[in-house]
Amino acid sequence: MKKISFLRHAKSDWSSPLVSDHERCLADRGRKASLKMKDFLTNKKNQFEIVFSSTATRAVETIEIVRPALKNTDVIFNKDLYTFDDSVLIDIISQISDEYSSVLIVGHNPAIHEAVLRLSSSNSSSDLVYRLETKYPTGAFSSLSSDILSWSHTGDTLFELTDFVCPKDL
């Protein structure tokens, strides 16, 4: 059984047009949303064996705020997760070591949104899928699970969408 969860970085600050996209930090609204997601993850008691995060400043700040909910889980920062392409994201997932069964990815849209839609099976809750199809807002969290034994089958197998939570839901 493999479980993959996604956390989209929280709302970023667009007030300085001279800052590169990679270096944009969180807005106040993003920090508040991240605190809500930290509380959600703490109460949900999600246990991730490892976390992979984009190196973009807004993703790093998001994971640092929610980190207390992750206990002692290692966080690996991967520049390749600074992607907006779902195919790249799915390829990265398919290369995760099979020693890990439960993984959290912190990254960006549209890659996360499109990857979750591509990986979700028709057996998933129609309410969750409908909400997901509509929008994957900043700070949102989703979780999918599958009976696969190897991450290398990620692109070939559909997962069941088990969670989709947005900061405004909390």
Protein backbone atom coordinates (compact mmCIF):
# COMPACT_ATOMS: atom_id res chain seq x y z
CA MET A 1 0.00 0.00 0.00
CA LYS A 2 1.33 3.42 -0.97
CA LYS A 3 -0.05 6.75 0.18
CA ILE A 4 0.90 10.00 -1.52
CA SER A 5 -0.14 13.35 -0.11
CA PHE A 6 0.26 16.79 -1.63
CA LEU A 7 0.41 20.19 0.00
CA ARG A 8 0.35 23.17 -2.31
CA HIS A 9 2.43 26.06 -1.00
CA ALA A 10 0.38 28.75 0.70
CA LYS A 11 -0.45 32.16 -0.80
CA SER A 12 2.65 34.03 -1.91
CA ASP A 13 3.45 37.72 -1.77
CA TRP A 14 3.29 39.51 -5.11
CA SER A 15 3.99 43.00 -3.73
CA SER A 16 7.56 43.16 -5.06
CA PRO A 17 7.70 42.74 -8.85
CA LEU A 18 11.51 42.62 -8.79
CA VAL A 19 11.62 39.36 -6.83
CA SER A 20 12.02 36.25 -8.99
CA ASP A 21 9.23 33.68 -8.95
CA HIS A 22 11.47 31.18 -7.16
CA GLU A 23 12.28 33.68 -4.41
CA ARG A 24 8.75 34.92 -3.67
CA CYS A 25 7.90 34.49 0.01
CA LEU A 26 4.57 33.89 1.71
CA ALA A 27 2.04 36.66 2.14
CA ASP A 28 0.48 37.20 5.58
CA ARG A 29 -2.57 35.32 4.33
CA GLY A 30 -0.28 32.43 3.35
CA ARG A 31 1.30 32.27 6.79
CA LYS A 32 -2.16 32.20 8.43
CA ALA A 33 -3.31 29.45 6.05
CA SER A 34 -0.16 27.43 6.79
CA LEU A 35 -0.89 27.63 10.52
CA LYS A 36 -4.40 26.28 9.85
CA MET A 37 -2.93 23.42 7.83
CA LYS A 38 -0.40 22.71 10.60
CA ASP A 39 -3.29 22.35 13.06
CA PHE A 40 -5.19 20.15 10.58
CA LEU A 41 -2.19 17.86 10.07
CA THR A 42 -1.57 17.70 13.83
CA ASN A 43 -5.20 16.71 14.52
CA LYS A 44 -5.32 14.31 11.57
CA LYS A 45 -2.19 12.61 12.89
CA ASN A 46 -0.91 11.98 9.38
CA GLN A 47 2.27 10.02 9.57
CA PHE A 48 4.58 10.62 6.64
CA GLU A 49 7.78 8.66 6.38
CA ILE A 50 9.40 11.39 4.30
CA VAL A 51 8.59 14.81 2.89
CA PHE A 52 9.83 16.12 -0.45
CA SER A 53 9.55 19.87 -1.01
CA SER A 54 10.25 22.33 -3.78
CA THR A 55 13.14 24.70 -3.10
CA ALA A 56 11.02 27.77 -3.91
CA THR A 57 10.95 30.14 -0.94
CA ARG A 58 7.15 30.00 -0.59
CA ALA A 59 7.23 26.17 -0.47
CA VAL A 60 10.08 26.16 2.06
CA GLU A 61 8.24 28.66 4.27
CA THR A 62 5.04 26.61 4.03
CA ILE A 63 6.77 23.40 5.11
CA GLU A 64 8.62 25.17 7.93
CA ILE A 65 5.31 26.40 9.36
CA VAL A 66 3.63 22.97 9.19
CA ARG A 67 6.78 21.10 10.25
CA PRO A 68 5.81 20.74 13.95
CA ALA A 69 2.86 18.59 12.79
CA LEU A 70 5.29 16.29 10.98
CA LYS A 71 7.17 15.35 14.15
CA ASN A 72 10.66 14.11 13.24
CA THR A 73 9.94 13.36 9.59
CA ASP A 74 12.87 14.13 7.31
CA VAL A 75 12.30 16.86 4.72
CA ILE A 76 14.24 16.66 1.46
CA PHE A 77 14.35 19.84 -0.63
CA ASN A 78 14.44 19.01 -4.33
CA LYS A 79 14.88 21.72 -6.97
CA ASP A 80 13.14 19.47 -9.52
CA LEU A 81 9.90 19.90 -7.55
CA TYR A 82 9.92 23.55 -8.60
CA THR A 83 7.81 22.45 -11.55
CA PHE A 84 4.45 23.34 -12.98
CA ASP A 85 4.27 20.19 -15.14
CA ASP A 86 2.28 17.21 -13.82
CA SER A 87 4.24 14.75 -15.99
CA VAL A 88 7.49 15.83 -14.33
CA LEU A 89 5.87 15.53 -10.90
CA ILE A 90 4.54 12.01 -11.62
CA ASP A 91 7.98 11.01 -12.93
CA ILE A 92 9.58 12.24 -9.69
CA ILE A 93 7.03 10.24 -7.65
CA SER A 94 7.72 7.10 -9.69
CA GLN A 95 11.38 7.32 -8.65
CA ILE A 96 10.73 7.44 -4.89
CA SER A 97 12.39 4.60 -3.01
CA ASP A 98 9.99 1.78 -2.20
CA GLU A 99 11.21 1.80 1.39
CA TYR A 100 8.71 4.66 1.89
CA SER A 101 4.98 3.90 1.99
CA SER A 102 3.64 7.31 2.99
CA VAL A 103 5.03 10.43 1.35
CA LEU A 104 4.18 14.14 1.39
CA ILE A 105 5.06 16.38 -1.57
CA VAL A 106 5.07 20.17 -1.15
CA GLY A 107 4.93 22.00 -4.45
CA HIS A 108 3.15 24.08 -7.03
CA ASN A 109 0.18 24.34 -9.33
CA PRO A 110 -0.79 23.44 -11.92
CA ALA A 111 1.47 20.39 -11.42
CA ILE A 112 -0.14 19.25 -8.16
CA HIS A 113 -3.71 19.86 -9.31
CA GLU A 114 -3.25 18.06 -12.61
CA ALA A 115 -1.26 15.18 -11.07
CA VAL A 116 -3.94 14.52 -8.44
CA LEU A 117 -6.65 14.60 -11.12
CA ARG A 118 -4.65 12.22 -13.34
CA LEU A 119 -3.95 9.80 -10.51
CA SER A 120 -7.47 9.76 -8.99
CA SER A 121 -9.61 6.72 -9.79
CA SER A 122 -13.33 6.74 -10.47
CA ASN A 123 -13.74 4.89 -7.16
CA SER A 124 -12.82 8.08 -5.31
CA SER A 125 -15.51 10.02 -3.47
CA SER A 126 -17.44 11.99 -6.07
CA ASP A 127 -17.72 14.96 -3.69
CA LEU A 128 -13.95 15.11 -3.23
CA VAL A 129 -13.31 14.76 -6.96
CA TYR A 130 -15.89 17.44 -7.79
CA ARG A 131 -14.30 19.87 -5.34
CA LEU A 132 -10.86 19.02 -6.67
CA GLU A 133 -11.91 19.48 -10.30
CA THR A 134 -13.18 22.95 -9.46
CA LYS A 135 -9.96 24.29 -7.92
CA TYR A 136 -6.82 23.36 -5.98
CA PRO A 137 -6.21 26.54 -3.97
CA THR A 138 -3.00 27.66 -2.30
CA GLY A 139 -2.37 25.84 0.97
CA ALA A 140 -4.67 22.92 0.05
CA PHE A 141 -3.87 19.33 1.02
CA SER A 142 -4.86 16.10 -0.71
CA SER A 143 -4.16 12.44 -0.09
CA LEU A 144 -4.36 9.43 -2.37
CA SER A 145 -3.78 5.74 -1.68
CA SER A 146 -3.23 2.64 -3.78
CA ASP A 147 -2.44 -1.03 -3.31
CA ILE A 148 0.68 -0.74 -5.48
CA LEU A 149 3.89 -2.11 -4.00
CA SER A 150 6.26 0.09 -5.97
CA TRP A 151 6.22 3.82 -6.68
CA SER A 152 7.49 2.96 -10.17
CA HIS A 153 3.90 1.99 -11.04
CA THR A 154 2.56 5.45 -10.18
CA GLY A 155 1.91 6.54 -13.77
CA ASP A 156 0.26 3.19 -14.62
CA THR A 157 -2.06 2.86 -11.63
CA LEU A 158 -4.94 4.93 -10.30
CA PHE A 159 -5.16 5.92 -6.66
CA GLU A 160 -8.18 6.55 -4.48
CA LEU A 161 -8.56 10.19 -3.46
CA THR A 162 -9.13 10.02 0.31
CA ASP A 163 -8.69 13.64 1.41
CA PHE A 164 -8.99 17.12 -0.03
CA VAL A 165 -8.86 19.96 2.50
CA CYS A 166 -8.42 23.67 1.92
CA PRO A 167 -7.41 26.23 4.56
CA LYS A 168 -10.76 27.99 4.18
CA ASP A 169 -12.48 24.70 5.17
CA LEU A 170 -10.89 24.88 8.60
